[in-house]
């Protein structure tokens, strides 16, 4: 079995997704959308064989269902980096 499809790697991806699903509403409620920023190690995730940009974007879209919330989280780095 290749490293990217090993049970350990699959469990790690599932665990990270579960953690994100539990953490997002807590972080949103505690800090507010204006203090959240979406970040990723893509394309250097160590899961390149099992993940893609499209899969990661689908996960984000499922994690933050509300389009206006998602837009705010995706736009939040603009003031930080003075875009």
C-alpha atoms as a PDB file:
ATOM      1  CA  UNK A   1       0.000   0.000   0.000  1.00  0.00           C
ATOM      2  CA  UNK A   2       1.419   3.391  -0.919  1.00  0.00           C
ATOM      3  CA  UNK A   3       2.116   5.916   1.825  1.00  0.00           C
ATOM      4  CA  UNK A   4      -0.674   8.251   0.722  1.00  0.00           C
ATOM      5  CA  UNK A   5      -3.298   5.498   0.902  1.00  0.00           C
ATOM      6  CA  UNK A   6      -2.144   3.879   4.115  1.00  0.00           C
ATOM      7  CA  UNK A   7      -4.743   3.462   6.861  1.00  0.00           C
ATOM      8  CA  UNK A   8      -2.713   5.822   9.021  1.00  0.00           C
ATOM      9  CA  UNK A   9      -2.794   8.608   6.415  1.00  0.00           C
ATOM     10  CA  UNK A  10      -6.511   8.078   5.753  1.00  0.00           C
ATOM     11  CA  UNK A  11      -7.195   8.284   9.486  1.00  0.00           C
ATOM     12  CA  UNK A  12      -5.132  11.479   9.724  1.00  0.00           C
ATOM     13  CA  UNK A  13      -7.166  13.149   6.946  1.00  0.00           C
ATOM     14  CA  UNK A  14     -10.446  12.079   8.534  1.00  0.00           C
ATOM     15  CA  UNK A  15      -9.263  13.281  11.936  1.00  0.00           C
ATOM     16  CA  UNK A  16      -8.262  16.680  10.542  1.00  0.00           C
ATOM     17  CA  UNK A  17     -11.630  17.085   8.820  1.00  0.00           C
ATOM     18  CA  UNK A  18     -13.504  16.116  11.986  1.00  0.00           C
ATOM     19  CA  UNK A  19     -11.417  18.559  13.995  1.00  0.00           C
ATOM     20  CA  UNK A  20     -12.106  21.379  11.523  1.00  0.00           C
ATOM     21  CA  UNK A  21     -15.848  20.670  11.572  1.00  0.00           C
ATOM     22  CA  UNK A  22     -15.898  20.851  15.364  1.00  0.00           C
ATOM     23  CA  UNK A  23     -13.525  23.814  15.643  1.00  0.00           C
ATOM     24  CA  UNK A  24     -14.971  26.163  13.019  1.00  0.00           C
ATOM     25  CA  UNK A  25     -18.223  27.094  14.812  1.00  0.00           C
ATOM     26  CA  UNK A  26     -16.377  27.468  18.117  1.00  0.00           C
ATOM     27  CA  UNK A  27     -13.756  29.750  16.560  1.00  0.00           C
ATOM     28  CA  UNK A  28     -16.382  31.737  14.664  1.00  0.00           C
ATOM     29  CA  UNK A  29     -18.420  32.293  17.821  1.00  0.00           C
ATOM     30  CA  UNK A  30     -15.413  33.068  20.025  1.00  0.00           C
ATOM     31  CA  UNK A  31     -13.480  35.401  17.718  1.00  0.00           C
ATOM     32  CA  UNK A  32     -15.838  36.517  14.954  1.00  0.00           C
ATOM     33  CA  UNK A  33     -15.529  36.124  11.205  1.00  0.00           C
ATOM     34  CA  UNK A  34     -13.380  39.221  10.823  1.00  0.00           C
ATOM     35  CA  UNK A  35     -10.621  37.497  12.833  1.00  0.00           C
ATOM     36  CA  UNK A  36     -10.677  34.174  10.946  1.00  0.00           C
ATOM     37  CA  UNK A  37      -8.589  33.413   7.895  1.00  0.00           C
ATOM     38  CA  UNK A  38      -8.543  30.324   5.703  1.00  0.00           C
ATOM     39  CA  UNK A  39      -5.069  28.908   5.275  1.00  0.00           C
ATOM     40  CA  UNK A  40      -3.578  25.808   3.762  1.00  0.00           C
ATOM     41  CA  UNK A  41      -0.268  24.128   3.062  1.00  0.00           C
ATOM     42  CA  UNK A  42      -1.499  23.306  -0.429  1.00  0.00           C
ATOM     43  CA  UNK A  43       0.203  22.023  -2.525  1.00  0.00           C
ATOM     44  CA  UNK A  44       2.674  20.743   0.097  1.00  0.00           C
ATOM     45  CA  UNK A  45       0.261  18.751   2.247  1.00  0.00           C
ATOM     46  CA  UNK A  46       2.023  15.357   2.327  1.00  0.00           C
ATOM     47  CA  UNK A  47      -1.286  14.056   0.934  1.00  0.00           C
ATOM     48  CA  UNK A  48      -0.783  15.175  -2.678  1.00  0.00           C
ATOM     49  CA  UNK A  49      -1.668  11.754  -4.111  1.00  0.00           C
ATOM     50  CA  UNK A  50      -5.006  11.716  -2.281  1.00  0.00           C
ATOM     51  CA  UNK A  51      -5.874  15.430  -2.265  1.00  0.00           C
ATOM     52  CA  UNK A  52      -6.327  18.137  -4.843  1.00  0.00           C
ATOM     53  CA  UNK A  53      -7.163  21.823  -4.833  1.00  0.00           C
ATOM     54  CA  UNK A  54     -10.717  20.940  -5.902  1.00  0.00           C
ATOM     55  CA  UNK A  55     -11.179  18.490  -3.011  1.00  0.00           C
ATOM     56  CA  UNK A  56      -9.865  21.030  -0.524  1.00  0.00           C
ATOM     57  CA  UNK A  57     -12.133  23.729  -1.903  1.00  0.00           C
ATOM     58  CA  UNK A  58     -15.118  21.355  -1.702  1.00  0.00           C
ATOM     59  CA  UNK A  59     -14.243  20.713   1.936  1.00  0.00           C
ATOM     60  CA  UNK A  60     -14.118  24.451   2.642  1.00  0.00           C
ATOM     61  CA  UNK A  61     -17.458  24.952   0.897  1.00  0.00           C
ATOM     62  CA  UNK A  62     -18.989  22.159   3.015  1.00  0.00           C
ATOM     63  CA  UNK A  63     -17.355  23.452   6.195  1.00  0.00           C
ATOM     64  CA  UNK A  64     -18.594  27.020   5.764  1.00  0.00           C
ATOM     65  CA  UNK A  65     -21.978  26.537   4.127  1.00  0.00           C
ATOM     66  CA  UNK A  66     -23.122  30.137   4.355  1.00  0.00           C
ATOM     67  CA  UNK A  67     -21.765  31.932   1.273  1.00  0.00           C
ATOM     68  CA  UNK A  68     -21.434  35.305   2.975  1.00  0.00           C
ATOM     69  CA  UNK A  69     -19.517  33.756   5.903  1.00  0.00           C
ATOM     70  CA  UNK A  70     -17.241  31.911   3.490  1.00  0.00           C
ATOM     71  CA  UNK A  71     -16.598  35.073   1.491  1.00  0.00           C
ATOM     72  CA  UNK A  72     -15.674  36.936   4.663  1.00  0.00           C
ATOM     73  CA  UNK A  73     -13.275  34.204   5.827  1.00  0.00           C
ATOM     74  CA  UNK A  74     -11.655  34.051   2.397  1.00  0.00           C
ATOM     75  CA  UNK A  75     -11.370  37.849   2.163  1.00  0.00           C
ATOM     76  CA  UNK A  76     -10.082  38.414   5.707  1.00  0.00           C
ATOM     77  CA  UNK A  77      -6.358  38.391   4.814  1.00  0.00           C
ATOM     78  CA  UNK A  78      -6.757  41.443   2.548  1.00  0.00           C
ATOM     79  CA  UNK A  79      -6.395  44.038   5.324  1.00  0.00           C
ATOM     80  CA  UNK A  80      -3.645  42.011   6.998  1.00  0.00           C
ATOM     81  CA  UNK A  81      -1.535  41.916   3.844  1.00  0.00           C
ATOM     82  CA  UNK A  82      -2.788  45.326   2.612  1.00  0.00           C
ATOM     83  CA  UNK A  83      -4.131  43.988  -0.706  1.00  0.00           C
END
